[in-house]
PDB file of all heavy atoms in Angstrom:
ATOM      1  N   ALA A   1      63.317 -64.931 -82.304  1.00  0.00           N
ATOM      2  CA  ALA A   1      63.173 -65.614 -81.011  1.00  0.00           C
ATOM      3  C   ALA A   1      63.410 -67.117 -81.126  1.00  0.00           C
ATOM      4  O   ALA A   1      63.129 -67.857 -80.183  1.00  0.00           O
ATOM      5  CB  ALA A   1      61.777 -65.354 -80.450  1.00  0.00           C
ATOM      6  N   MET A   2      63.919 -67.589 -82.279  1.00  0.00           N
ATOM      7  CA  MET A   2      64.058 -69.031 -82.497  1.00  0.00           C
ATOM      8  C   MET A   2      64.914 -69.690 -81.419  1.00  0.00           C
ATOM      9  O   MET A   2      64.495 -70.671 -80.791  1.00  0.00           O
ATOM     10  CB  MET A   2      64.673 -69.298 -83.874  1.00  0.00           C
ATOM     11  CG  MET A   2      64.833 -70.793 -84.186  1.00  0.00           C
ATOM     12  SD  MET A   2      65.790 -71.114 -85.689  1.00  0.00           S
ATOM     13  CE  MET A   2      67.457 -70.806 -85.096  1.00  0.00           C
ATOM     14  N   GLU A   3      66.135 -69.173 -81.214  1.00  0.00           N
ATOM     15  CA  GLU A   3      67.043 -69.835 -80.271  1.00  0.00           C
ATOM     16  C   GLU A   3      66.487 -69.822 -78.854  1.00  0.00           C
ATOM     17  O   GLU A   3      66.489 -70.856 -78.167  1.00  0.00           O
ATOM     18  CB  GLU A   3      68.409 -69.157 -80.297  1.00  0.00           C
ATOM     19  CG  GLU A   3      69.431 -69.827 -79.383  1.00  0.00           C
ATOM     20  CD  GLU A   3      70.838 -69.288 -79.539  1.00  0.00           C
ATOM     21  OE1 GLU A   3      71.083 -68.523 -80.506  1.00  0.00           O
ATOM     22  OE2 GLU A   3      71.705 -69.617 -78.713  1.00  0.00           O
ATOM     23  N   GLU A   4      65.994 -68.669 -78.413  1.00  0.00           N
ATOM     24  CA  GLU A   4      65.452 -68.576 -77.060  1.00  0.00           C
ATOM     25  C   GLU A   4      64.264 -69.516 -76.880  1.00  0.00           C
ATOM     26  O   GLU A   4      64.135 -70.198 -75.860  1.00  0.00           O
ATOM     27  CB  GLU A   4      65.048 -67.137 -76.763  1.00  0.00           C
ATOM     28  CG  GLU A   4      64.514 -66.923 -75.359  1.00  0.00           C
ATOM     29  CD  GLU A   4      64.101 -65.493 -75.104  1.00  0.00           C
ATOM     30  OE1 GLU A   4      64.290 -64.647 -76.009  1.00  0.00           O
ATOM     31  OE2 GLU A   4      63.577 -65.210 -74.014  1.00  0.00           O
ATOM     32  N   THR A   5      63.376 -69.560 -77.889  1.00  0.00           N
ATOM     33  CA  THR A   5      62.197 -70.427 -77.802  1.00  0.00           C
ATOM     34  C   THR A   5      62.587 -71.897 -77.760  1.00  0.00           C
ATOM     35  O   THR A   5      62.064 -72.671 -76.946  1.00  0.00           O
ATOM     36  CB  THR A   5      61.264 -70.174 -79.000  1.00  0.00           C
ATOM     37  OG1 THR A   5      60.873 -68.801 -79.020  1.00  0.00           O
ATOM     38  CG2 THR A   5      60.026 -71.048 -78.923  1.00  0.00           C
ATOM     39  N   LEU A   6      63.516 -72.294 -78.634  1.00  0.00           N
ATOM     40  CA  LEU A   6      63.938 -73.696 -78.671  1.00  0.00           C
ATOM     41  C   LEU A   6      64.658 -74.102 -77.394  1.00  0.00           C
ATOM     42  O   LEU A   6      64.490 -75.219 -76.903  1.00  0.00           O
ATOM     43  CB  LEU A   6      64.834 -73.938 -79.889  1.00  0.00           C
ATOM     44  CG  LEU A   6      64.121 -73.910 -81.250  1.00  0.00           C
ATOM     45  CD1 LEU A   6      65.137 -73.980 -82.377  1.00  0.00           C
ATOM     46  CD2 LEU A   6      63.124 -75.068 -81.363  1.00  0.00           C
ATOM     47  N   ARG A   7      65.473 -73.204 -76.853  1.00  0.00           N
ATOM     48  CA  ARG A   7      66.150 -73.527 -75.590  1.00  0.00           C
ATOM     49  C   ARG A   7      65.140 -73.670 -74.460  1.00  0.00           C
ATOM     50  O   ARG A   7      65.285 -74.514 -73.582  1.00  0.00           O
ATOM     51  CB  ARG A   7      67.196 -72.466 -75.260  1.00  0.00           C
ATOM     52  CG  ARG A   7      68.412 -72.503 -76.183  1.00  0.00           C
ATOM     53  CD  ARG A   7      69.531 -71.595 -75.702  1.00  0.00           C
ATOM     54  NE  ARG A   7      70.647 -71.600 -76.626  1.00  0.00           N
ATOM     55  CZ  ARG A   7      71.594 -72.530 -76.668  1.00  0.00           C
ATOM     56  NH1 ARG A   7      71.557 -73.534 -75.805  1.00  0.00           N
ATOM     57  NH2 ARG A   7      72.580 -72.459 -77.537  1.00  0.00           N
ATOM     58  N   GLY A   8      64.107 -72.840 -74.489  1.00  0.00           N
ATOM     59  CA  GLY A   8      63.050 -72.973 -73.494  1.00  0.00           C
ATOM     60  C   GLY A   8      62.304 -74.295 -73.631  1.00  0.00           C
ATOM     61  O   GLY A   8      61.982 -74.945 -72.632  1.00  0.00           O
ATOM     62  N   MET A   9      62.049 -74.712 -74.869  1.00  0.00           N
ATOM     63  CA  MET A   9      61.382 -75.996 -75.106  1.00  0.00           C
ATOM     64  C   MET A   9      62.269 -77.148 -74.657  1.00  0.00           C
ATOM     65  O   MET A   9      61.791 -78.138 -74.089  1.00  0.00           O
ATOM     66  CB  MET A   9      61.031 -76.129 -76.587  1.00  0.00           C
ATOM     67  CG  MET A   9      60.001 -75.124 -77.068  1.00  0.00           C
ATOM     68  SD  MET A   9      59.766 -75.140 -78.866  1.00  0.00           S
ATOM     69  CE  MET A   9      58.893 -76.697 -79.077  1.00  0.00           C
ATOM     70  N   GLY A  10      63.573 -77.002 -74.909  1.00  0.00           N
ATOM     71  CA  GLY A  10      64.499 -78.045 -74.469  1.00  0.00           C
ATOM     72  C   GLY A  10      64.548 -78.154 -72.964  1.00  0.00           C
ATOM     73  O   GLY A  10      64.593 -79.259 -72.407  1.00  0.00           O
ATOM     74  N   ARG A  11      64.519 -76.999 -72.292  1.00  0.00           N
ATOM     75  CA  ARG A  11      64.516 -77.011 -70.833  1.00  0.00           C
ATOM     76  C   ARG A  11      63.251 -77.675 -70.298  1.00  0.00           C
ATOM     77  O   ARG A  11      63.312 -78.463 -69.354  1.00  0.00           O
ATOM     78  CB  ARG A  11      64.624 -75.585 -70.297  1.00  0.00           C
ATOM     79  CG  ARG A  11      64.472 -75.497 -68.777  1.00  0.00           C
ATOM     80  CD  ARG A  11      64.690 -74.099 -68.229  1.00  0.00           C
ATOM     81  NE  ARG A  11      64.313 -74.013 -66.836  1.00  0.00           N
ATOM     82  CZ  ARG A  11      65.055 -74.436 -65.828  1.00  0.00           C
ATOM     83  NH1 ARG A  11      66.234 -74.996 -66.071  1.00  0.00           N
ATOM     84  NH2 ARG A  11      64.645 -74.318 -64.568  1.00  0.00           N
ATOM     85  N   ARG A  12      62.112 -77.364 -70.911  1.00  0.00           N
ATOM     86  CA  ARG A  12      60.867 -77.990 -70.442  1.00  0.00           C
ATOM     87  C   ARG A  12      60.934 -79.506 -70.641  1.00  0.00           C
ATOM     88  O   ARG A  12      60.486 -80.275 -69.782  1.00  0.00           O
ATOM     89  CB  ARG A  12      59.664 -77.410 -71.182  1.00  0.00           C
ATOM     90  CG  ARG A  12      58.355 -78.066 -70.726  1.00  0.00           C
ATOM     91  CD  ARG A  12      57.138 -77.337 -71.224  1.00  0.00           C
ATOM     92  NE  ARG A  12      55.913 -78.045 -70.870  1.00  0.00           N
ATOM     93  CZ  ARG A  12      55.327 -78.024 -69.684  1.00  0.00           C
ATOM     94  NH1 ARG A  12      55.851 -77.313 -68.712  1.00  0.00           N
ATOM     95  NH2 ARG A  12      54.213 -78.688 -69.446  1.00  0.00           N
ATOM     96  N   GLY A  13      61.510 -79.943 -71.772  1.00  0.00           N
ATOM     97  CA  GLY A  13      61.659 -81.383 -71.984  1.00  0.00           C
ATOM     98  C   GLY A  13      62.531 -82.019 -70.922  1.00  0.00           C
ATOM     99  O   GLY A  13      62.222 -83.113 -70.413  1.00  0.00           O
ATOM    100  N   ASP A  14      63.625 -81.338 -70.561  1.00  0.00           N
ATOM    101  CA  ASP A  14      64.500 -81.856 -69.503  1.00  0.00           C
ATOM    102  C   ASP A  14      63.767 -81.903 -68.167  1.00  0.00           C
ATOM    103  O   ASP A  14      63.923 -82.851 -67.392  1.00  0.00           O
ATOM    104  CB  ASP A  14      65.753 -80.975 -69.376  1.00  0.00           C
ATOM    105  CG  ASP A  14      66.663 -81.091 -70.583  1.00  0.00           C
ATOM    106  OD1 ASP A  14      66.544 -82.091 -71.321  1.00  0.00           O
ATOM    107  OD2 ASP A  14      67.496 -80.188 -70.786  1.00  0.00           O
ATOM    108  N   ILE A  15      62.959 -80.863 -67.907  1.00  0.00           N
ATOM    109  CA  ILE A  15      62.209 -80.816 -66.651  1.00  0.00           C
ATOM    110  C   ILE A  15      61.192 -81.952 -66.593  1.00  0.00           C
ATOM    111  O   ILE A  15      61.028 -82.611 -65.555  1.00  0.00           O
ATOM    112  CB  ILE A  15      61.514 -79.444 -66.493  1.00  0.00           C
ATOM    113  CG1 ILE A  15      62.557 -78.376 -66.168  1.00  0.00           C
ATOM    114  CG2 ILE A  15      60.441 -79.494 -65.415  1.00  0.00           C
ATOM    115  CD1 ILE A  15      61.993 -76.977 -66.142  1.00  0.00           C
ATOM    116  N   ILE A  16      60.519 -82.201 -67.711  1.00  0.00           N
ATOM    117  CA  ILE A  16      59.524 -83.280 -67.741  1.00  0.00           C
ATOM    118  C   ILE A  16      60.189 -84.624 -67.440  1.00  0.00           C
ATOM    119  O   ILE A  16      59.689 -85.424 -66.637  1.00  0.00           O
ATOM    120  CB  ILE A  16      58.803 -83.316 -69.101  1.00  0.00           C
ATOM    121  CG1 ILE A  16      57.880 -82.102 -69.236  1.00  0.00           C
ATOM    122  CG2 ILE A  16      58.003 -84.608 -69.261  1.00  0.00           C
ATOM    123  CD1 ILE A  16      57.249 -81.953 -70.601  1.00  0.00           C
ATOM    124  N   ARG A  17      61.347 -84.882 -68.078  1.00  0.00           N
ATOM    125  CA  ARG A  17      62.050 -86.149 -67.816  1.00  0.00           C
ATOM    126  C   ARG A  17      62.492 -86.256 -66.362  1.00  0.00           C
ATOM    127  O   ARG A  17      62.381 -87.311 -65.735  1.00  0.00           O
ATOM    128  CB  ARG A  17      63.242 -86.277 -68.761  1.00  0.00           C
ATOM    129  CG  ARG A  17      62.867 -86.679 -70.178  1.00  0.00           C
ATOM    130  CD  ARG A  17      64.095 -86.961 -71.018  1.00  0.00           C
ATOM    131  NE  ARG A  17      64.840 -85.740 -71.303  1.00  0.00           N
ATOM    132  CZ  ARG A  17      64.612 -84.950 -72.338  1.00  0.00           C
ATOM    133  NH1 ARG A  17      63.635 -85.234 -73.174  1.00  0.00           N
ATOM    134  NH2 ARG A  17      65.339 -83.862 -72.530  1.00  0.00           N
ATOM    135  N   SER A  18      63.004 -85.145 -65.812  1.00  0.00           N
ATOM    136  CA  SER A  18      63.450 -85.155 -64.418  1.00  0.00           C
ATOM    137  C   SER A  18      62.283 -85.386 -63.467  1.00  0.00           C
ATOM    138  O   SER A  18      62.388 -86.153 -62.513  1.00  0.00           O
ATOM    139  CB  SER A  18      64.142 -83.828 -64.077  1.00  0.00           C
ATOM    140  OG  SER A  18      65.292 -83.633 -64.862  1.00  0.00           O
ATOM    141  N   MET A  19      61.162 -84.710 -63.738  1.00  0.00           N
ATOM    142  CA  MET A  19      60.001 -84.851 -62.864  1.00  0.00           C
ATOM    143  C   MET A  19      59.397 -86.249 -62.975  1.00  0.00           C
ATOM    144  O   MET A  19      58.946 -86.824 -61.971  1.00  0.00           O
ATOM    145  CB  MET A  19      58.966 -83.793 -63.227  1.00  0.00           C
ATOM    146  CG  MET A  19      59.366 -82.364 -62.876  1.00  0.00           C
ATOM    147  SD  MET A  19      59.253 -81.978 -61.113  1.00  0.00           S
ATOM    148  CE  MET A  19      57.484 -81.777 -60.933  1.00  0.00           C
ATOM    149  N   GLU A  20      59.370 -86.812 -64.182  1.00  0.00           N
ATOM    150  CA  GLU A  20      58.873 -88.181 -64.343  1.00  0.00           C
ATOM    151  C   GLU A  20      59.712 -89.154 -63.527  1.00  0.00           C
ATOM    152  O   GLU A  20      59.188 -90.087 -62.905  1.00  0.00           O
ATOM    153  CB  GLU A  20      58.888 -88.580 -65.819  1.00  0.00           C
ATOM    154  CG  GLU A  20      57.767 -87.964 -66.644  1.00  0.00           C
ATOM    155  CD  GLU A  20      57.861 -88.342 -68.106  1.00  0.00           C
ATOM    156  OE1 GLU A  20      58.977 -88.710 -68.551  1.00  0.00           O
ATOM    157  OE2 GLU A  20      56.837 -88.248 -68.821  1.00  0.00           O
ATOM    158  N   HIS A  21      61.030 -88.949 -63.533  1.00  0.00           N
ATOM    159  CA  HIS A  21      61.918 -89.823 -62.760  1.00  0.00           C
ATOM    160  C   HIS A  21      61.687 -89.647 -61.263  1.00  0.00           C
ATOM    161  O   HIS A  21      61.786 -90.609 -60.495  1.00  0.00           O
ATOM    162  CB  HIS A  21      63.372 -89.501 -63.102  1.00  0.00           C
ATOM    163  CG  HIS A  21      64.375 -90.377 -62.414  1.00  0.00           C
ATOM    164  ND1 HIS A  21      64.583 -91.695 -62.767  1.00  0.00           N
ATOM    165  CD2 HIS A  21      65.212 -90.130 -61.374  1.00  0.00           C
ATOM    166  CE1 HIS A  21      65.508 -92.221 -61.981  1.00  0.00           C
ATOM    167  NE2 HIS A  21      65.905 -91.293 -61.129  1.00  0.00           N
ATOM    168  N   ALA A  22      61.358 -88.407 -60.831  1.00  0.00           N
ATOM    169  CA  ALA A  22      61.222 -88.123 -59.401  1.00  0.00           C
ATOM    170  C   ALA A  22      59.868 -88.521 -58.842  1.00  0.00           C
ATOM    171  O   ALA A  22      59.780 -89.015 -57.711  1.00  0.00           O
ATOM    172  CB  ALA A  22      61.471 -86.633 -59.140  1.00  0.00           C
ATOM    173  N   VAL A  23      58.779 -88.318 -59.611  1.00  0.00           N
ATOM    174  CA  VAL A  23      57.445 -88.525 -59.047  1.00  0.00           C
ATOM    175  C   VAL A  23      56.645 -89.603 -59.758  1.00  0.00           C
ATOM    176  O   VAL A  23      55.571 -89.979 -59.290  1.00  0.00           O
ATOM    177  CB  VAL A  23      56.651 -87.196 -59.029  1.00  0.00           C
ATOM    178  CG1 VAL A  23      57.423 -86.123 -58.300  1.00  0.00           C
ATOM    179  CG2 VAL A  23      56.312 -86.728 -60.441  1.00  0.00           C
ATOM    180  N   GLY A  24      57.131 -90.087 -60.905  1.00  0.00           N
ATOM    181  CA  GLY A  24      56.450 -91.193 -61.585  1.00  0.00           C
ATOM    182  C   GLY A  24      55.059 -90.844 -62.066  1.00  0.00           C
ATOM    183  O   GLY A  24      54.827 -89.802 -62.681  1.00  0.00           O
ATOM    184  N   ASP A  25      54.091 -91.707 -61.731  1.00  0.00           N
ATOM    185  CA  ASP A  25      52.722 -91.563 -62.215  1.00  0.00           C
ATOM    186  C   ASP A  25      51.995 -90.356 -61.631  1.00  0.00           C
ATOM    187  O   ASP A  25      50.917 -89.988 -62.111  1.00  0.00           O
ATOM    188  CB  ASP A  25      51.912 -92.830 -61.901  1.00  0.00           C
ATOM    189  CG  ASP A  25      52.443 -94.051 -62.636  1.00  0.00           C
ATOM    190  OD1 ASP A  25      53.116 -93.856 -63.661  1.00  0.00           O
ATOM    191  OD2 ASP A  25      52.184 -95.184 -62.179  1.00  0.00           O
ATOM    192  N   ARG A  26      52.559 -89.749 -60.582  1.00  0.00           N
ATOM    193  CA  ARG A  26      51.888 -88.599 -59.966  1.00  0.00           C
ATOM    194  C   ARG A  26      52.061 -87.322 -60.783  1.00  0.00           C
ATOM    195  O   ARG A  26      51.435 -86.311 -60.485  1.00  0.00           O
ATOM    196  CB  ARG A  26      52.426 -88.369 -58.549  1.00  0.00           C
ATOM    197  CG  ARG A  26      52.057 -89.466 -57.551  1.00  0.00           C
ATOM    198  CD  ARG A  26      52.729 -89.230 -56.224  1.00  0.00           C
ATOM    199  NE  ARG A  26      54.173 -89.432 -56.316  1.00  0.00           N
ATOM    200  CZ  ARG A  26      55.037 -89.198 -55.317  1.00  0.00           C
ATOM    201  NH1 ARG A  26      54.576 -88.725 -54.172  1.00  0.00           N
ATOM    202  NH2 ARG A  26      56.320 -89.425 -55.465  1.00  0.00           N
ATOM    203  N   LEU A  27      52.917 -87.365 -61.818  1.00  0.00           N
ATOM    204  CA  LEU A  27      53.171 -86.169 -62.611  1.00  0.00           C
ATOM    205  C   LEU A  27      51.950 -85.809 -63.456  1.00  0.00           C
ATOM    206  O   LEU A  27      51.367 -86.651 -64.131  1.00  0.00           O
ATOM    207  CB  LEU A  27      54.378 -86.391 -63.529  1.00  0.00           C
ATOM    208  CG  LEU A  27      54.737 -85.222 -64.455  1.00  0.00           C
ATOM    209  CD1 LEU A  27      55.137 -84.008 -63.632  1.00  0.00           C
ATOM    210  CD2 LEU A  27      55.843 -85.625 -65.407  1.00  0.00           C
ATOM    211  N   SER A  28      51.584 -84.526 -63.424  1.00  0.00           N
ATOM    212  CA  SER A  28      50.494 -83.997 -64.246  1.00  0.00           C
ATOM    213  C   SER A  28      51.089 -82.952 -65.183  1.00  0.00           C
ATOM    214  O   SER A  28      51.423 -81.843 -64.753  1.00  0.00           O
ATOM    215  CB  SER A  28      49.409 -83.371 -63.363  1.00  0.00           C
ATOM    216  OG  SER A  28      48.463 -82.684 -64.155  1.00  0.00           O
ATOM    217  N   LEU A  29      51.232 -83.292 -66.462  1.00  0.00           N
ATOM    218  CA  LEU A  29      51.838 -82.372 -67.421  1.00  0.00           C
ATOM    219  C   LEU A  29      51.011 -81.097 -67.563  1.00  0.00           C
ATOM    220  O   LEU A  29      51.552 -80.012 -67.798  1.00  0.00           O
ATOM    221  CB  LEU A  29      51.989 -83.058 -68.788  1.00  0.00           C
ATOM    222  CG  LEU A  29      53.000 -84.202 -68.859  1.00  0.00           C
ATOM    223  CD1 LEU A  29      53.005 -84.791 -70.262  1.00  0.00           C
ATOM    224  CD2 LEU A  29      54.394 -83.711 -68.495  1.00  0.00           C
ATOM    225  N   HIS A  30      49.703 -81.228 -67.432  1.00  0.00           N
ATOM    226  CA  HIS A  30      48.828 -80.056 -67.585  1.00  0.00           C
ATOM    227  C   HIS A  30      49.094 -79.021 -66.497  1.00  0.00           C
ATOM    228  O   HIS A  30      48.933 -77.810 -66.727  1.00  0.00           O
ATOM    229  CB  HIS A  30      47.362 -80.496 -67.550  1.00  0.00           C
ATOM    230  CG  HIS A  30      46.396 -79.367 -67.686  1.00  0.00           C
ATOM    231  ND1 HIS A  30      46.250 -78.640 -68.858  1.00  0.00           N
ATOM    232  CD2 HIS A  30      45.519 -78.810 -66.789  1.00  0.00           C
ATOM    233  CE1 HIS A  30      45.329 -77.711 -68.690  1.00  0.00           C
ATOM    234  NE2 HIS A  30      44.877 -77.782 -67.447  1.00  0.00           N
ATOM    235  N   HIS A  31      49.486 -79.468 -65.306  1.00  0.00           N
ATOM    236  CA  HIS A  31      49.697 -78.555 -64.181  1.00  0.00           C
ATOM    237  C   HIS A  31      51.190 -78.347 -63.869  1.00  0.00           C
ATOM    238  O   HIS A  31      51.521 -77.741 -62.847  1.00  0.00           O
ATOM    239  CB  HIS A  31      48.995 -79.085 -62.923  1.00  0.00           C
ATOM    240  CG  HIS A  31      47.507 -79.131 -63.041  1.00  0.00           C
ATOM    241  ND1 HIS A  31      46.824 -80.297 -63.343  1.00  0.00           N
ATOM    242  CD2 HIS A  31      46.562 -78.157 -62.927  1.00  0.00           C
ATOM    243  CE1 HIS A  31      45.524 -80.041 -63.385  1.00  0.00           C
ATOM    244  NE2 HIS A  31      45.334 -78.757 -63.149  1.00  0.00           N
ATOM    245  N   LEU A  32      52.072 -78.833 -64.732  1.00  0.00           N
ATOM    246  CA  LEU A  32      53.507 -78.716 -64.475  1.00  0.00           C
ATOM    247  C   LEU A  32      53.976 -77.282 -64.727  1.00  0.00           C
ATOM    248  O   LEU A  32      53.688 -76.699 -65.773  1.00  0.00           O
ATOM    249  CB  LEU A  32      54.283 -79.699 -65.358  1.00  0.00           C
ATOM    250  CG  LEU A  32      55.811 -79.667 -65.218  1.00  0.00           C
ATOM    251  CD1 LEU A  32      56.229 -79.989 -63.790  1.00  0.00           C
ATOM    252  CD2 LEU A  32      56.450 -80.646 -66.200  1.00  0.00           C
ATOM    253  N   ARG A  33      54.717 -76.722 -63.767  1.00  0.00           N
ATOM    254  CA  ARG A  33      55.243 -75.372 -63.883  1.00  0.00           C
ATOM    255  C   ARG A  33      56.720 -75.368 -63.453  1.00  0.00           C
ATOM    256  O   ARG A  33      57.149 -76.191 -62.654  1.00  0.00           O
ATOM    257  CB  ARG A  33      54.468 -74.384 -62.997  1.00  0.00           C
ATOM    258  CG  ARG A  33      52.979 -74.315 -63.289  1.00  0.00           C
ATOM    259  CD  ARG A  33      52.687 -73.634 -64.603  1.00  0.00           C
ATOM    260  NE  ARG A  33      51.259 -73.447 -64.806  1.00  0.00           N
ATOM    261  CZ  ARG A  33      50.459 -74.347 -65.360  1.00  0.00           C
ATOM    262  NH1 ARG A  33      50.954 -75.522 -65.761  1.00  0.00           N
ATOM    263  NH2 ARG A  33      49.177 -74.113 -65.520  1.00  0.00           N
ATOM    264  N   ASP A  34      57.467 -74.386 -63.997  1.00  0.00           N
ATOM    265  CA  ASP A  34      58.878 -74.208 -63.654  1.00  0.00           C
ATOM    266  C   ASP A  34      58.999 -72.939 -62.816  1.00  0.00           C
ATOM    267  O   ASP A  34      58.618 -71.853 -63.263  1.00  0.00           O
ATOM    268  CB  ASP A  34      59.711 -74.095 -64.940  1.00  0.00           C
ATOM    269  CG  ASP A  34      61.192 -73.888 -64.647  1.00  0.00           C
ATOM    270  OD1 ASP A  34      61.605 -74.099 -63.490  1.00  0.00           O
ATOM    271  OD2 ASP A  34      61.923 -73.525 -65.585  1.00  0.00           O
ATOM    272  N   PHE A  35      59.542 -73.050 -61.596  1.00  0.00           N
ATOM    273  CA  PHE A  35      59.616 -71.893 -60.714  1.00  0.00           C
ATOM    274  C   PHE A  35      60.591 -70.845 -61.235  1.00  0.00           C
ATOM    275  O   PHE A  35      60.555 -69.694 -60.810  1.00  0.00           O
ATOM    276  CB  PHE A  35      60.020 -72.313 -59.295  1.00  0.00           C
ATOM    277  CG  PHE A  35      59.745 -71.267 -58.254  1.00  0.00           C
ATOM    278  CD1 PHE A  35      58.452 -70.985 -57.850  1.00  0.00           C
ATOM    279  CD2 PHE A  35      60.777 -70.537 -57.687  1.00  0.00           C
ATOM    280  CE1 PHE A  35      58.190 -70.008 -56.906  1.00  0.00           C
ATOM    281  CE2 PHE A  35      60.535 -69.561 -56.737  1.00  0.00           C
ATOM    282  CZ  PHE A  35      59.225 -69.292 -56.343  1.00  0.00           C
ATOM    283  N   ALA A  36      61.473 -71.250 -62.163  1.00  0.00           N
ATOM    284  CA  ALA A  36      62.398 -70.289 -62.767  1.00  0.00           C
ATOM    285  C   ALA A  36      61.749 -69.538 -63.917  1.00  0.00           C
ATOM    286  O   ALA A  36      62.364 -68.633 -64.489  1.00  0.00           O
ATOM    287  CB  ALA A  36      63.653 -71.001 -63.261  1.00  0.00           C
ATOM    288  N   GLY A  37      60.514 -69.889 -64.287  1.00  0.00           N
ATOM    289  CA  GLY A  37      59.825 -69.243 -65.390  1.00  0.00           C
ATOM    290  C   GLY A  37      59.305 -67.865 -65.037  1.00  0.00           C
ATOM    291  O   GLY A  37      59.233 -67.478 -63.859  1.00  0.00           O
ATOM    292  N   GLU A  38      58.933 -67.136 -66.065  1.00  0.00           N
ATOM    293  CA  GLU A  38      58.499 -65.754 -65.870  1.00  0.00           C
ATOM    294  C   GLU A  38      57.160 -65.648 -65.140  1.00  0.00           C
ATOM    295  O   GLU A  38      56.871 -64.641 -64.499  1.00  0.00           O
ATOM    296  CB  GLU A  38      58.398 -65.051 -67.226  1.00  0.00           C
ATOM    297  CG  GLU A  38      59.736 -64.901 -67.949  1.00  0.00           C
ATOM    298  CD  GLU A  38      59.579 -64.191 -69.271  1.00  0.00           C
ATOM    299  OE1 GLU A  38      58.424 -63.879 -69.634  1.00  0.00           O
ATOM    300  OE2 GLU A  38      60.598 -63.952 -69.936  1.00  0.00           O
ATOM    301  N   THR A  39      56.334 -66.688 -65.236  1.00  0.00           N
ATOM    302  CA  THR A  39      54.999 -66.620 -64.644  1.00  0.00           C
ATOM    303  C   THR A  39      54.954 -67.145 -63.213  1.00  0.00           C
ATOM    304  O   THR A  39      53.878 -67.190 -62.614  1.00  0.00           O
ATOM    305  CB  THR A  39      53.999 -67.419 -65.493  1.00  0.00           C
ATOM    306  OG1 THR A  39      54.439 -68.795 -65.569  1.00  0.00           O
ATOM    307  CG2 THR A  39      53.894 -66.852 -66.897  1.00  0.00           C
ATOM    308  N   ALA A  40      56.097 -67.524 -62.655  1.00  0.00           N
ATOM    309  CA  ALA A  40      56.118 -68.076 -61.300  1.00  0.00           C
ATOM    310  C   ALA A  40      55.803 -66.982 -60.279  1.00  0.00           C
ATOM    311  O   ALA A  40      56.180 -65.829 -60.454  1.00  0.00           O
ATOM    312  CB  ALA A  40      57.489 -68.682 -61.004  1.00  0.00           C
ATOM    313  N   PRO A  41      55.108 -67.336 -59.194  1.00  0.00           N
ATOM    314  CA  PRO A  41      54.797 -66.336 -58.161  1.00  0.00           C
ATOM    315  C   PRO A  41      56.048 -65.967 -57.371  1.00  0.00           C
ATOM    316  O   PRO A  41      57.060 -66.675 -57.411  1.00  0.00           O
ATOM    317  CB  PRO A  41      53.778 -67.068 -57.280  1.00  0.00           C
ATOM    318  CG  PRO A  41      54.124 -68.521 -57.434  1.00  0.00           C
ATOM    319  CD  PRO A  41      54.589 -68.674 -58.858  1.00  0.00           C
ATOM    320  N   LEU A  42      55.981 -64.857 -56.645  1.00  0.00           N
ATOM    321  CA  LEU A  42      57.118 -64.457 -55.813  1.00  0.00           C
ATOM    322  C   LEU A  42      57.270 -65.392 -54.622  1.00  0.00           C
ATOM    323  O   LEU A  42      58.376 -65.581 -54.110  1.00  0.00           O
ATOM    324  CB  LEU A  42      56.927 -63.013 -55.327  1.00  0.00           C
ATOM    325  CG  LEU A  42      56.906 -61.929 -56.423  1.00  0.00           C
ATOM    326  CD1 LEU A  42      56.625 -60.560 -55.808  1.00  0.00           C
ATOM    327  CD2 LEU A  42      58.232 -61.926 -57.174  1.00  0.00           C
ATOM    328  N   ARG A  43      56.145 -65.974 -54.181  1.00  0.00           N
ATOM    329  CA  ARG A  43      56.166 -66.845 -53.000  1.00  0.00           C
ATOM    330  C   ARG A  43      55.236 -68.014 -53.265  1.00  0.00           C
ATOM    331  O   ARG A  43      54.155 -67.847 -53.834  1.00  0.00           O
ATOM    332  CB  ARG A  43      55.720 -66.060 -51.769  1.00  0.00           C
ATOM    333  CG  ARG A  43      55.546 -66.875 -50.493  1.00  0.00           C
ATOM    334  CD  ARG A  43      55.174 -65.935 -49.345  1.00  0.00           C
ATOM    335  NE  ARG A  43      54.831 -66.653 -48.132  1.00  0.00           N
ATOM    336  CZ  ARG A  43      53.599 -67.023 -47.793  1.00  0.00           C
ATOM    337  NH1 ARG A  43      52.594 -66.746 -48.622  1.00  0.00           N
ATOM    338  NH2 ARG A  43      53.361 -67.660 -46.666  1.00  0.00           N
ATOM    339  N   LEU A  44      55.661 -69.194 -52.837  1.00  0.00           N
ATOM    340  CA  LEU A  44      54.876 -70.400 -53.086  1.00  0.00           C
ATOM    341  C   LEU A  44      55.005 -71.348 -51.905  1.00  0.00           C
ATOM    342  O   LEU A  44      56.094 -71.520 -51.350  1.00  0.00           O
ATOM    343  CB  LEU A  44      55.369 -71.099 -54.353  1.00  0.00           C
ATOM    344  CG  LEU A  44      54.816 -72.496 -54.646  1.00  0.00           C
ATOM    345  CD1 LEU A  44      53.361 -72.395 -55.095  1.00  0.00           C
ATOM    346  CD2 LEU A  44      55.650 -73.205 -55.702  1.00  0.00           C
ATOM    347  N   ILE A  45      53.896 -71.933 -51.516  1.00  0.00           N
ATOM    348  CA  ILE A  45      53.906 -72.974 -50.479  1.00  0.00           C
ATOM    349  C   ILE A  45      53.549 -74.292 -51.144  1.00  0.00           C
ATOM    350  O   ILE A  45      52.595 -74.372 -51.921  1.00  0.00           O
ATOM    351  CB  ILE A  45      52.919 -72.643 -49.347  1.00  0.00           C
ATOM    352  CG1 ILE A  45      53.399 -71.425 -48.557  1.00  0.00           C
ATOM    353  CG2 ILE A  45      52.759 -73.836 -48.397  1.00  0.00           C
ATOM    354  CD1 ILE A  45      52.465 -70.985 -47.463  1.00  0.00           C
ATOM    355  N   GLY A  46      54.335 -75.332 -50.853  1.00  0.00           N
ATOM    356  CA  GLY A  46      54.080 -76.619 -51.483  1.00  0.00           C
ATOM    357  C   GLY A  46      54.565 -77.779 -50.639  1.00  0.00           C
ATOM    358  O   GLY A  46      55.347 -77.617 -49.694  1.00  0.00           O
ATOM    359  N   ARG A  47      54.080 -78.961 -51.000  1.00  0.00           N
ATOM    360  CA  ARG A  47      54.479 -80.200 -50.319  1.00  0.00           C
ATOM    361  C   ARG A  47      55.471 -80.944 -51.199  1.00  0.00           C
ATOM    362  O   ARG A  47      55.261 -81.103 -52.408  1.00  0.00           O
ATOM    363  CB  ARG A  47      53.250 -81.065 -50.055  1.00  0.00           C
ATOM    364  CG  ARG A  47      53.577 -82.434 -49.468  1.00  0.00           C
ATOM    365  CD  ARG A  47      52.326 -83.156 -49.023  1.00  0.00           C
ATOM    366  NE  ARG A  47      51.344 -83.259 -50.100  1.00  0.00           N
ATOM    367  CZ  ARG A  47      50.060 -83.570 -49.915  1.00  0.00           C
ATOM    368  NH1 ARG A  47      49.611 -83.762 -48.689  1.00  0.00           N
ATOM    369  NH2 ARG A  47      49.237 -83.669 -50.933  1.00  0.00           N
TER     370      ARG A  47
END
C-alpha cells in the first residue's frame, strides 16, 4: 500500500496548503476533511 498511502498523504498536504490559502487562520487541521475521501457522508450541508 506504499504508493497509494503516499499519494493520499500528498493529496492531504496539497489540500492543507489550498485551504490555508483560502481560509487563513480559520483553518482547523483537527477538523479538516476531504469530501472525496472514503469517510465522507453522502450528503452534507455547510457554509
